[in-house]
Amino acid sequence: MFGLDFLNPERLWVLVLVPLMIAAYVWAVRRKKKTGMRFTNTTILSRVVPKQSQWRRHLAVALSVAALVSLSFAWARPNGVEMVPRERATVVLVIDISNSMLATDVKPNRLDAAKQAAITFVKSLPEKYNLALVSLSGSPSVRLPPTLDRVMAQQAINSLKVQDTTAVGEGIYTALTALQMAPKGDDGSIAPGAIVLLSDGQNTAGRSPQQAANEAAKAKVPIYTIAYGTQNGYVDLDGKREPVPPDTDLLRTLASMTGGASYSAESLDQLDRVYTNIRSEVGYMPVKKEITALWAGYGLAFAVVAALAAVSLGARWP
């Protein structure tokens, strides 16, 4: 009900009182109107019975009903969802290094701008987060296994150089392999993982990206994709100008299949903002938490205001 889970849902039976209260109130209002019609001299009636504000009376009843509903929810012990910081996690950064990353629609070129934004992202990750780096080309490889060393991560990012073709599916498989290299916790548990994949072109080699995304989904590893570059980007290869627009549809599909999110960035500033959003999503996890006190507070607040409204009905102000 209302998107809430309850620890004692059987207690919600008390809500049957709500329609009964409303029905009784409507009956009382109608009966009062019929009684008032018996008096033909309204001047005498107004002297005997002080005139009451209709809207304040309705407000008092509405607030009383709201208080009953809120306290009923509290009695049933509702559960809400709270976003809490992860204590540890492993993030695999997959950066496209295909020839299309030499396009200059993002200054000074896509690859250099991507390196700069990636380093900023790496520096902003929580200290307990392991970071791995995978280069995306025709032959993706793990350039840096999961580590807490941010200096090594920056060096690995700066060492990236362009290569031929783009195998997005193979890049995802390689990222999943990198996640398996992450150290386990003191209790032997595996830290949650996520893949951040930046690509500026279309898949041109290797296994199906959708097949790889299915494997990531089975492993409960979300993929956050970034379609990088403009639709007008191009590179000159062997004396021929080749357009290199990002494949936004493919990247959006991969993110959707794994429970991640897809983004587009056409400049360094946009890419920085995308990484900020991804850091927020990766860094927090939803946790169910009992929120009985919150709903009890709502009920108390409604009851207090309802009481004040009821008092104001009987008060005669000068």
C-alpha atoms as a PDB file:
ATOM      1  CA  MET A   1       0.000   0.000   0.000  1.00  0.00           C
ATOM      2  CA  PHE A   2       1.335   3.411  -1.004  1.00  0.00           C
ATOM      3  CA  GLY A   3       4.632   1.746  -1.963  1.00  0.00           C
ATOM      4  CA  LEU A   4       5.306   0.695   1.645  1.00  0.00           C
ATOM      5  CA  ASP A   5       6.062  -2.691   3.156  1.00  0.00           C
ATOM      6  CA  PHE A   6       4.762  -3.467   6.628  1.00  0.00           C
ATOM      7  CA  LEU A   7       6.154  -5.788   9.296  1.00  0.00           C
ATOM      8  CA  ASN A   8       2.628  -6.277  10.715  1.00  0.00           C
ATOM      9  CA  PRO A   9       0.292  -5.724   7.747  1.00  0.00           C
ATOM     10  CA  GLU A  10      -2.593  -7.491   9.553  1.00  0.00           C
ATOM     11  CA  ARG A  11      -2.933  -4.429  11.786  1.00  0.00           C
ATOM     12  CA  LEU A  12      -4.096  -2.329   8.851  1.00  0.00           C
ATOM     13  CA  TRP A  13      -7.601  -3.650   9.454  1.00  0.00           C
ATOM     14  CA  VAL A  14      -8.110  -0.606  11.660  1.00  0.00           C
ATOM     15  CA  LEU A  15      -8.342   1.465   8.461  1.00  0.00           C
ATOM     16  CA  VAL A  16     -11.899   0.205   8.015  1.00  0.00           C
ATOM     17  CA  LEU A  17     -12.788   2.887  10.557  1.00  0.00           C
ATOM     18  CA  VAL A  18     -11.903   5.610   8.053  1.00  0.00           C
ATOM     19  CA  PRO A  19     -14.867   5.163   5.674  1.00  0.00           C
ATOM     20  CA  LEU A  20     -17.122   4.691   8.729  1.00  0.00           C
ATOM     21  CA  MET A  21     -15.960   8.007  10.170  1.00  0.00           C
ATOM     22  CA  ILE A  22     -16.496   9.785   6.868  1.00  0.00           C
ATOM     23  CA  ALA A  23     -19.957   8.280   6.456  1.00  0.00           C
ATOM     24  CA  ALA A  24     -20.912   9.272  10.007  1.00  0.00           C
ATOM     25  CA  TYR A  25     -19.715  12.813   9.426  1.00  0.00           C
ATOM     26  CA  VAL A  26     -21.654  13.178   6.178  1.00  0.00           C
ATOM     27  CA  TRP A  27     -24.778  11.823   7.907  1.00  0.00           C
ATOM     28  CA  ALA A  28     -24.348  14.285  10.795  1.00  0.00           C
ATOM     29  CA  VAL A  29     -23.951  17.253   8.440  1.00  0.00           C
ATOM     30  CA  ARG A  30     -27.066  16.352   6.479  1.00  0.00           C
ATOM     31  CA  ARG A  31     -29.080  15.792   9.665  1.00  0.00           C
ATOM     32  CA  LYS A  32     -28.011  19.172  10.998  1.00  0.00           C
ATOM     33  CA  LYS A  33     -29.179  20.879   7.813  1.00  0.00           C
ATOM     34  CA  LYS A  34     -32.613  19.253   8.118  1.00  0.00           C
ATOM     35  CA  THR A  35     -32.851  20.338  11.745  1.00  0.00           C
ATOM     36  CA  GLY A  36     -31.929  23.909  10.836  1.00  0.00           C
ATOM     37  CA  MET A  37     -34.735  24.088   8.261  1.00  0.00           C
ATOM     38  CA  ARG A  38     -37.322  23.801  11.080  1.00  0.00           C
ATOM     39  CA  PHE A  39     -36.432  27.288  12.290  1.00  0.00           C
ATOM     40  CA  THR A  40     -37.952  30.014  10.159  1.00  0.00           C
ATOM     41  CA  ASN A  41     -36.570  32.908  12.180  1.00  0.00           C
ATOM     42  CA  THR A  42     -32.830  32.669  11.480  1.00  0.00           C
ATOM     43  CA  THR A  43     -32.134  35.845  13.495  1.00  0.00           C
ATOM     44  CA  ILE A  44     -33.227  34.182  16.711  1.00  0.00           C
ATOM     45  CA  LEU A  45     -31.347  30.986  15.777  1.00  0.00           C
ATOM     46  CA  SER A  46     -28.076  32.894  15.231  1.00  0.00           C
ATOM     47  CA  ARG A  47     -28.390  34.384  18.718  1.00  0.00           C
ATOM     48  CA  VAL A  48     -28.954  31.010  20.312  1.00  0.00           C
ATOM     49  CA  VAL A  49     -26.375  29.019  18.319  1.00  0.00           C
ATOM     50  CA  PRO A  50     -23.147  30.824  17.306  1.00  0.00           C
ATOM     51  CA  LYS A  51     -22.368  30.599  13.608  1.00  0.00           C
ATOM     52  CA  GLN A  52     -19.535  28.168  12.875  1.00  0.00           C
ATOM     53  CA  SER A  53     -17.059  28.231  10.037  1.00  0.00           C
ATOM     54  CA  GLN A  54     -17.862  25.459   7.587  1.00  0.00           C
ATOM     55  CA  TRP A  55     -14.332  25.130   6.228  1.00  0.00           C
ATOM     56  CA  ARG A  56     -12.780  24.908   9.710  1.00  0.00           C
ATOM     57  CA  ARG A  57     -15.158  22.134  10.675  1.00  0.00           C
ATOM     58  CA  HIS A  58     -14.364  20.209   7.485  1.00  0.00           C
ATOM     59  CA  LEU A  59     -10.646  20.812   8.049  1.00  0.00           C
ATOM     60  CA  ALA A  60     -10.812  19.460  11.599  1.00  0.00           C
ATOM     61  CA  VAL A  61     -12.488  16.272  10.399  1.00  0.00           C
ATOM     62  CA  ALA A  62     -10.057  15.835   7.486  1.00  0.00           C
ATOM     63  CA  LEU A  63      -7.067  16.252   9.803  1.00  0.00           C
ATOM     64  CA  SER A  64      -8.549  13.763  12.247  1.00  0.00           C
ATOM     65  CA  VAL A  65      -8.895  11.210   9.452  1.00  0.00           C
ATOM     66  CA  ALA A  66      -5.305  11.884   8.350  1.00  0.00           C
ATOM     67  CA  ALA A  67      -4.134  11.359  11.942  1.00  0.00           C
ATOM     68  CA  LEU A  68      -5.967   8.032  12.122  1.00  0.00           C
ATOM     69  CA  VAL A  69      -4.464   6.848   8.830  1.00  0.00           C
ATOM     70  CA  SER A  70      -0.925   7.874   9.849  1.00  0.00           C
ATOM     71  CA  LEU A  71      -1.162   6.245  13.274  1.00  0.00           C
ATOM     72  CA  SER A  72      -2.588   3.093  11.678  1.00  0.00           C
ATOM     73  CA  PHE A  73       0.420   2.946   9.374  1.00  0.00           C
ATOM     74  CA  ALA A  74       2.735   3.430  12.343  1.00  0.00           C
ATOM     75  CA  TRP A  75       0.989   0.623  14.252  1.00  0.00           C
ATOM     76  CA  ALA A  76       1.570  -1.703  11.273  1.00  0.00           C
ATOM     77  CA  ARG A  77       5.342  -0.928  11.428  1.00  0.00           C
ATOM     78  CA  PRO A  78       6.151   0.331   7.900  1.00  0.00           C
ATOM     79  CA  ASN A  79       9.459  -0.256   6.144  1.00  0.00           C
ATOM     80  CA  GLY A  80      11.032   2.433   3.969  1.00  0.00           C
ATOM     81  CA  VAL A  81      14.117   2.518   1.758  1.00  0.00           C
ATOM     82  CA  GLU A  82      17.135   4.571   2.776  1.00  0.00           C
ATOM     83  CA  MET A  83      20.229   5.185   0.649  1.00  0.00           C
ATOM     84  CA  VAL A  84      23.326   4.459   2.739  1.00  0.00           C
ATOM     85  CA  PRO A  85      27.005   4.704   1.716  1.00  0.00           C
ATOM     86  CA  ARG A  86      28.709   1.468   0.735  1.00  0.00           C
ATOM     87  CA  GLU A  87      31.627   0.552   2.944  1.00  0.00           C
ATOM     88  CA  ARG A  88      33.503  -1.055   0.068  1.00  0.00           C
ATOM     89  CA  ALA A  89      33.032  -1.872  -3.593  1.00  0.00           C
ATOM     90  CA  THR A  90      34.967  -2.558  -6.776  1.00  0.00           C
ATOM     91  CA  VAL A  91      34.609  -0.296  -9.787  1.00  0.00           C
ATOM     92  CA  VAL A  92      35.951  -1.380 -13.175  1.00  0.00           C
ATOM     93  CA  LEU A  93      36.589   1.557 -15.470  1.00  0.00           C
ATOM     94  CA  VAL A  94      36.425   0.519 -19.140  1.00  0.00           C
ATOM     95  CA  ILE A  95      37.782   3.178 -21.496  1.00  0.00           C
ATOM     96  CA  ASP A  96      37.518   2.961 -25.269  1.00  0.00           C
ATOM     97  CA  ILE A  97      40.936   3.410 -26.909  1.00  0.00           C
ATOM     98  CA  SER A  98      39.925   2.706 -30.503  1.00  0.00           C
ATOM     99  CA  ASN A  99      41.079   4.999 -33.321  1.00  0.00           C
ATOM    100  CA  SER A 100      37.840   6.956 -33.112  1.00  0.00           C
ATOM    101  CA  MET A 101      39.044   8.378 -29.790  1.00  0.00           C
ATOM    102  CA  LEU A 102      41.421  10.593 -31.799  1.00  0.00           C
ATOM    103  CA  ALA A 103      38.460  12.675 -33.004  1.00  0.00           C
ATOM    104  CA  THR A 104      38.873  16.313 -32.066  1.00  0.00           C
ATOM    105  CA  ASP A 105      35.221  17.231 -31.588  1.00  0.00           C
ATOM    106  CA  VAL A 106      36.131  17.106 -27.875  1.00  0.00           C
ATOM    107  CA  LYS A 107      39.273  19.154 -27.244  1.00  0.00           C
ATOM    108  CA  PRO A 108      42.127  18.391 -27.434  1.00  0.00           C
ATOM    109  CA  ASN A 109      40.803  14.977 -28.533  1.00  0.00           C
ATOM    110  CA  ARG A 110      38.393  12.440 -27.130  1.00  0.00           C
ATOM    111  CA  LEU A 111      41.025  10.199 -25.561  1.00  0.00           C
ATOM    112  CA  ASP A 112      42.986  12.933 -23.773  1.00  0.00           C
ATOM    113  CA  ALA A 113      39.782  14.503 -22.456  1.00  0.00           C
ATOM    114  CA  ALA A 114      38.549  11.089 -21.321  1.00  0.00           C
ATOM    115  CA  LYS A 115      41.809  10.485 -19.461  1.00  0.00           C
ATOM    116  CA  GLN A 116      41.506  13.794 -17.648  1.00  0.00           C
ATOM    117  CA  ALA A 117      37.907  13.138 -16.567  1.00  0.00           C
ATOM    118  CA  ALA A 118      38.716   9.549 -15.548  1.00  0.00           C
ATOM    119  CA  ILE A 119      41.535  10.705 -13.268  1.00  0.00           C
ATOM    120  CA  THR A 120      39.198  13.185 -11.590  1.00  0.00           C
ATOM    121  CA  PHE A 121      36.687  10.372 -11.118  1.00  0.00           C
ATOM    122  CA  VAL A 122      39.326   8.074  -9.647  1.00  0.00           C
ATOM    123  CA  LYS A 123      40.414  10.703  -7.131  1.00  0.00           C
ATOM    124  CA  SER A 124      36.831  11.193  -5.961  1.00  0.00           C
ATOM    125  CA  LEU A 125      36.127   7.526  -5.183  1.00  0.00           C
ATOM    126  CA  PRO A 126      35.987   6.490  -1.499  1.00  0.00           C
ATOM    127  CA  GLU A 127      39.337   5.282  -0.152  1.00  0.00           C
ATOM    128  CA  LYS A 128      38.078   1.741   0.504  1.00  0.00           C
ATOM    129  CA  TYR A 129      36.880   1.276  -3.075  1.00  0.00           C
ATOM    130  CA  ASN A 130      39.024  -0.915  -5.301  1.00  0.00           C
ATOM    131  CA  LEU A 131      39.485   0.340  -8.843  1.00  0.00           C
ATOM    132  CA  ALA A 132      40.375  -1.659 -11.949  1.00  0.00           C
ATOM    133  CA  LEU A 133      41.097  -0.380 -15.446  1.00  0.00           C
ATOM    134  CA  VAL A 134      40.250  -2.144 -18.722  1.00  0.00           C
ATOM    135  CA  SER A 135      41.191  -0.815 -22.147  1.00  0.00           C
ATOM    136  CA  LEU A 136      38.501  -1.263 -24.789  1.00  0.00           C
ATOM    137  CA  SER A 137      39.742  -2.048 -28.294  1.00  0.00           C
ATOM    138  CA  GLY A 138      39.724  -5.033 -30.624  1.00  0.00           C
ATOM    139  CA  SER A 139      41.645  -6.908 -27.901  1.00  0.00           C
ATOM    140  CA  PRO A 140      40.492  -5.593 -24.504  1.00  0.00           C
ATOM    141  CA  SER A 141      42.865  -6.159 -21.599  1.00  0.00           C
ATOM    142  CA  VAL A 142      43.102  -5.531 -17.879  1.00  0.00           C
ATOM    143  CA  ARG A 143      45.525  -2.628 -17.570  1.00  0.00           C
ATOM    144  CA  LEU A 144      45.182  -2.480 -13.796  1.00  0.00           C
ATOM    145  CA  PRO A 145      43.759  -5.180 -11.504  1.00  0.00           C
ATOM    146  CA  PRO A 146      41.570  -4.035  -8.594  1.00  0.00           C
ATOM    147  CA  THR A 147      43.635  -1.877  -6.269  1.00  0.00           C
ATOM    148  CA  LEU A 148      43.354   0.867  -3.676  1.00  0.00           C
ATOM    149  CA  ASP A 149      46.447   2.599  -5.061  1.00  0.00           C
ATOM    150  CA  ARG A 150      45.168   5.760  -6.757  1.00  0.00           C
ATOM    151  CA  VAL A 151      48.623   6.756  -7.989  1.00  0.00           C
ATOM    152  CA  MET A 152      48.968   3.499  -9.916  1.00  0.00           C
ATOM    153  CA  ALA A 153      45.470   4.025 -11.310  1.00  0.00           C
ATOM    154  CA  GLN A 154      46.354   7.475 -12.609  1.00  0.00           C
ATOM    155  CA  GLN A 155      49.539   6.147 -14.193  1.00  0.00           C
ATOM    156  CA  ALA A 156      47.617   3.332 -15.882  1.00  0.00           C
ATOM    157  CA  ILE A 157      45.075   5.791 -17.291  1.00  0.00           C
ATOM    158  CA  ASN A 158      47.764   8.135 -18.603  1.00  0.00           C
ATOM    159  CA  SER A 159      49.517   5.229 -20.373  1.00  0.00           C
ATOM    160  CA  LEU A 160      46.519   4.421 -22.599  1.00  0.00           C
ATOM    161  CA  LYS A 161      47.183   4.669 -26.335  1.00  0.00           C
ATOM    162  CA  VAL A 162      44.884   4.110 -29.295  1.00  0.00           C
ATOM    163  CA  GLN A 163      44.444   0.722 -30.950  1.00  0.00           C
ATOM    164  CA  ASP A 164      42.349  -0.698 -33.792  1.00  0.00           C
ATOM    165  CA  THR A 165      38.649  -1.683 -33.689  1.00  0.00           C
ATOM    166  CA  THR A 166      36.131  -1.826 -30.838  1.00  0.00           C
ATOM    167  CA  ALA A 167      34.951  -5.029 -29.145  1.00  0.00           C
ATOM    168  CA  VAL A 168      32.374  -3.852 -26.620  1.00  0.00           C
ATOM    169  CA  GLY A 169      31.211  -7.340 -25.693  1.00  0.00           C
ATOM    170  CA  GLU A 170      34.757  -8.550 -25.101  1.00  0.00           C
ATOM    171  CA  GLY A 171      35.379  -5.444 -23.011  1.00  0.00           C
ATOM    172  CA  ILE A 172      32.498  -6.371 -20.701  1.00  0.00           C
ATOM    173  CA  TYR A 173      33.746  -9.951 -20.366  1.00  0.00           C
ATOM    174  CA  THR A 174      37.198  -8.623 -19.513  1.00  0.00           C
ATOM    175  CA  ALA A 175      35.706  -6.287 -16.906  1.00  0.00           C
ATOM    176  CA  LEU A 176      33.883  -9.216 -15.297  1.00  0.00           C
ATOM    177  CA  THR A 177      37.202 -11.080 -15.154  1.00  0.00           C
ATOM    178  CA  ALA A 178      38.787  -8.063 -13.467  1.00  0.00           C
ATOM    179  CA  LEU A 179      36.047  -8.081 -10.822  1.00  0.00           C
ATOM    180  CA  GLN A 180      36.982 -11.645  -9.901  1.00  0.00           C
ATOM    181  CA  MET A 181      40.478 -10.399  -9.060  1.00  0.00           C
ATOM    182  CA  ALA A 182      39.182  -8.112  -6.313  1.00  0.00           C
ATOM    183  CA  PRO A 183      40.309  -8.996  -2.781  1.00  0.00           C
ATOM    184  CA  LYS A 184      37.683 -10.497  -0.509  1.00  0.00           C
ATOM    185  CA  GLY A 185      36.600  -9.050   2.801  1.00  0.00           C
ATOM    186  CA  ASP A 186      37.763 -10.290   6.197  1.00  0.00           C
ATOM    187  CA  ASP A 187      34.713 -12.541   6.320  1.00  0.00           C
ATOM    188  CA  GLY A 188      35.424 -13.952   2.868  1.00  0.00           C
ATOM    189  CA  SER A 189      32.640 -12.017   1.188  1.00  0.00           C
ATOM    190  CA  ILE A 190      32.989 -10.483  -2.271  1.00  0.00           C
ATOM    191  CA  ALA A 191      32.492  -6.743  -2.455  1.00  0.00           C
ATOM    192  CA  PRO A 192      29.740  -5.495  -4.768  1.00  0.00           C
ATOM    193  CA  GLY A 193      30.996  -4.464  -8.199  1.00  0.00           C
ATOM    194  CA  ALA A 194      30.043  -2.116 -10.984  1.00  0.00           C
ATOM    195  CA  ILE A 195      31.308  -1.460 -14.500  1.00  0.00           C
ATOM    196  CA  VAL A 196      31.666   2.053 -15.907  1.00  0.00           C
ATOM    197  CA  LEU A 197      32.012   1.789 -19.677  1.00  0.00           C
ATOM    198  CA  LEU A 198      32.958   4.777 -21.825  1.00  0.00           C
ATOM    199  CA  SER A 199      32.769   4.282 -25.579  1.00  0.00           C
ATOM    200  CA  ASP A 200      32.572   6.633 -28.547  1.00  0.00           C
ATOM    201  CA  GLY A 201      31.881   4.223 -31.382  1.00  0.00           C
ATOM    202  CA  GLN A 202      30.079   1.106 -32.509  1.00  0.00           C
ATOM    203  CA  ASN A 203      30.885  -2.522 -31.787  1.00  0.00           C
ATOM    204  CA  THR A 204      33.039  -3.850 -34.630  1.00  0.00           C
ATOM    205  CA  ALA A 205      34.557  -7.082 -33.293  1.00  0.00           C
ATOM    206  CA  GLY A 206      34.210  -9.917 -30.801  1.00  0.00           C
ATOM    207  CA  ARG A 207      31.221 -11.500 -29.124  1.00  0.00           C
ATOM    208  CA  SER A 208      27.805  -9.902 -28.838  1.00  0.00           C
ATOM    209  CA  PRO A 209      27.623  -7.005 -26.353  1.00  0.00           C
ATOM    210  CA  GLN A 210      24.086  -8.095 -25.394  1.00  0.00           C
ATOM    211  CA  GLN A 211      25.363 -11.576 -24.568  1.00  0.00           C
ATOM    212  CA  ALA A 212      28.045 -10.062 -22.349  1.00  0.00           C
ATOM    213  CA  ALA A 213      25.443  -7.821 -20.680  1.00  0.00           C
ATOM    214  CA  ASN A 214      23.389 -10.925 -19.876  1.00  0.00           C
ATOM    215  CA  GLU A 215      26.388 -12.390 -18.059  1.00  0.00           C
ATOM    216  CA  ALA A 216      26.816  -9.151 -16.118  1.00  0.00           C
ATOM    217  CA  ALA A 217      23.129  -9.185 -15.182  1.00  0.00           C
ATOM    218  CA  LYS A 218      23.424 -12.787 -13.928  1.00  0.00           C
ATOM    219  CA  ALA A 219      26.357 -11.710 -11.767  1.00  0.00           C
ATOM    220  CA  LYS A 220      24.320  -8.720 -10.520  1.00  0.00           C
ATOM    221  CA  VAL A 221      26.896  -6.283 -11.845  1.00  0.00           C
ATOM    222  CA  PRO A 222      25.330  -3.060 -13.169  1.00  0.00           C
ATOM    223  CA  ILE A 223      26.908  -1.385 -16.192  1.00  0.00           C
ATOM    224  CA  TYR A 224      26.951   2.399 -16.335  1.00  0.00           C
ATOM    225  CA  THR A 225      27.543   3.454 -19.925  1.00  0.00           C
ATOM    226  CA  ILE A 226      28.775   6.766 -21.306  1.00  0.00           C
ATOM    227  CA  ALA A 227      28.241   7.551 -24.981  1.00  0.00           C
ATOM    228  CA  TYR A 228      31.126   9.935 -25.562  1.00  0.00           C
ATOM    229  CA  GLY A 229      31.529  12.455 -28.363  1.00  0.00           C
ATOM    230  CA  THR A 230      29.238  14.287 -30.773  1.00  0.00           C
ATOM    231  CA  GLN A 231      27.260  12.903 -33.689  1.00  0.00           C
ATOM    232  CA  ASN A 232      29.422  15.008 -36.028  1.00  0.00           C
ATOM    233  CA  GLY A 233      32.748  13.583 -34.858  1.00  0.00           C
ATOM    234  CA  TYR A 234      35.141  12.144 -37.442  1.00  0.00           C
ATOM    235  CA  VAL A 235      38.691  10.846 -37.887  1.00  0.00           C
ATOM    236  CA  ASP A 236      40.990  10.731 -40.910  1.00  0.00           C
ATOM    237  CA  LEU A 237      42.271   7.208 -41.522  1.00  0.00           C
ATOM    238  CA  ASP A 238      44.433   6.286 -44.508  1.00  0.00           C
ATOM    239  CA  GLY A 239      43.507   9.551 -46.203  1.00  0.00           C
ATOM    240  CA  LYS A 240      39.797   8.920 -45.796  1.00  0.00           C
ATOM    241  CA  ARG A 241      37.466  10.805 -43.485  1.00  0.00           C
ATOM    242  CA  GLU A 242      35.364   8.450 -41.365  1.00  0.00           C
ATOM    243  CA  PRO A 243      32.381   9.607 -39.234  1.00  0.00           C
ATOM    244  CA  VAL A 244      32.532   8.240 -35.664  1.00  0.00           C
ATOM    245  CA  PRO A 245      29.238   8.991 -33.862  1.00  0.00           C
ATOM    246  CA  PRO A 246      28.711   7.163 -30.550  1.00  0.00           C
ATOM    247  CA  ASP A 247      26.279   4.238 -30.569  1.00  0.00           C
ATOM    248  CA  THR A 248      23.888   5.606 -27.954  1.00  0.00           C
ATOM    249  CA  ASP A 249      21.213   2.961 -28.605  1.00  0.00           C
ATOM    250  CA  LEU A 250      23.561   0.059 -27.909  1.00  0.00           C
ATOM    251  CA  LEU A 251      24.971   1.609 -24.746  1.00  0.00           C
ATOM    252  CA  ARG A 252      21.496   2.458 -23.477  1.00  0.00           C
ATOM    253  CA  THR A 253      20.451  -1.169 -24.023  1.00  0.00           C
ATOM    254  CA  LEU A 254      23.451  -2.544 -22.129  1.00  0.00           C
ATOM    255  CA  ALA A 255      22.766  -0.292 -19.147  1.00  0.00           C
ATOM    256  CA  SER A 256      19.075  -1.181 -19.114  1.00  0.00           C
ATOM    257  CA  MET A 257      19.777  -4.915 -19.259  1.00  0.00           C
ATOM    258  CA  THR A 258      21.995  -4.794 -16.168  1.00  0.00           C
ATOM    259  CA  GLY A 259      20.162  -2.291 -13.976  1.00  0.00           C
ATOM    260  CA  GLY A 260      22.708   0.449 -14.564  1.00  0.00           C
ATOM    261  CA  ALA A 261      22.224   3.842 -16.168  1.00  0.00           C
ATOM    262  CA  SER A 262      23.184   5.356 -19.514  1.00  0.00           C
ATOM    263  CA  TYR A 263      24.598   8.810 -20.106  1.00  0.00           C
ATOM    264  CA  SER A 264      25.779  10.930 -23.013  1.00  0.00           C
ATOM    265  CA  ALA A 265      28.613  13.438 -22.934  1.00  0.00           C
ATOM    266  CA  GLU A 266      29.701  15.720 -25.747  1.00  0.00           C
ATOM    267  CA  SER A 267      32.322  17.720 -23.867  1.00  0.00           C
ATOM    268  CA  LEU A 268      34.771  17.440 -21.001  1.00  0.00           C
ATOM    269  CA  ASP A 269      32.482  19.422 -18.679  1.00  0.00           C
ATOM    270  CA  GLN A 270      29.584  17.110 -19.441  1.00  0.00           C
ATOM    271  CA  LEU A 271      31.782  14.075 -18.882  1.00  0.00           C
ATOM    272  CA  ASP A 272      32.837  15.403 -15.470  1.00  0.00           C
ATOM    273  CA  ARG A 273      29.178  15.805 -14.492  1.00  0.00           C
ATOM    274  CA  VAL A 274      28.391  12.291 -15.704  1.00  0.00           C
ATOM    275  CA  TYR A 275      31.154  10.831 -13.557  1.00  0.00           C
ATOM    276  CA  THR A 276      29.818  12.769 -10.575  1.00  0.00           C
ATOM    277  CA  ASN A 277      26.377  11.211 -11.087  1.00  0.00           C
ATOM    278  CA  ILE A 278      27.846   7.744 -11.476  1.00  0.00           C
ATOM    279  CA  ARG A 279      29.915   8.131  -8.312  1.00  0.00           C
ATOM    280  CA  SER A 280      26.742   8.969  -6.401  1.00  0.00           C
ATOM    281  CA  GLU A 281      24.890   5.950  -7.789  1.00  0.00           C
ATOM    282  CA  VAL A 282      27.738   3.494  -7.244  1.00  0.00           C
ATOM    283  CA  GLY A 283      28.584   4.852  -3.802  1.00  0.00           C
ATOM    284  CA  TYR A 284      25.170   4.279  -2.225  1.00  0.00           C
ATOM    285  CA  MET A 285      22.898   1.293  -1.866  1.00  0.00           C
ATOM    286  CA  PRO A 286      19.219   1.020  -0.891  1.00  0.00           C
ATOM    287  CA  VAL A 287      18.601  -0.474   2.551  1.00  0.00           C
ATOM    288  CA  LYS A 288      15.216  -1.207   4.074  1.00  0.00           C
ATOM    289  CA  LYS A 289      14.644   0.533   7.386  1.00  0.00           C
ATOM    290  CA  GLU A 290      11.661   0.607   9.742  1.00  0.00           C
ATOM    291  CA  ILE A 291      10.088   4.067   9.722  1.00  0.00           C
ATOM    292  CA  THR A 292       7.434   3.623  12.414  1.00  0.00           C
ATOM    293  CA  ALA A 293       8.592   6.740  14.266  1.00  0.00           C
ATOM    294  CA  LEU A 294       8.237   8.851  11.125  1.00  0.00           C
ATOM    295  CA  TRP A 295       4.597   7.872  10.583  1.00  0.00           C
ATOM    296  CA  ALA A 296       3.856   8.224  14.288  1.00  0.00           C
ATOM    297  CA  GLY A 297       5.206  11.761  14.028  1.00  0.00           C
ATOM    298  CA  TYR A 298       2.928  12.452  11.090  1.00  0.00           C
ATOM    299  CA  GLY A 299      -0.039  11.173  13.080  1.00  0.00           C
ATOM    300  CA  LEU A 300       0.833  13.308  16.090  1.00  0.00           C
ATOM    301  CA  ALA A 301       1.220  16.415  13.942  1.00  0.00           C
ATOM    302  CA  PHE A 302      -2.150  15.864  12.232  1.00  0.00           C
ATOM    303  CA  ALA A 303      -3.807  15.213  15.616  1.00  0.00           C
ATOM    304  CA  VAL A 304      -2.435  18.418  17.150  1.00  0.00           C
ATOM    305  CA  VAL A 305      -3.585  20.565  14.225  1.00  0.00           C
ATOM    306  CA  ALA A 306      -6.978  18.826  14.238  1.00  0.00           C
ATOM    307  CA  ALA A 307      -7.348  19.581  17.944  1.00  0.00           C
ATOM    308  CA  LEU A 308      -6.516  23.253  17.363  1.00  0.00           C
ATOM    309  CA  ALA A 309      -9.060  23.411  14.556  1.00  0.00           C
ATOM    310  CA  ALA A 310     -11.693  21.830  16.819  1.00  0.00           C
ATOM    311  CA  VAL A 311     -10.941  24.319  19.625  1.00  0.00           C
ATOM    312  CA  SER A 312     -11.243  27.225  17.202  1.00  0.00           C
ATOM    313  CA  LEU A 313     -14.787  26.106  16.342  1.00  0.00           C
ATOM    314  CA  GLY A 314     -15.986  26.686  19.888  1.00  0.00           C
ATOM    315  CA  ALA A 315     -14.004  29.833  20.538  1.00  0.00           C
ATOM    316  CA  ARG A 316     -15.744  33.197  20.238  1.00  0.00           C
ATOM    317  CA  TRP A 317     -13.204  35.767  19.151  1.00  0.00           C
ATOM    318  CA  PRO A 318     -13.753  39.448  20.067  1.00  0.00           C
END
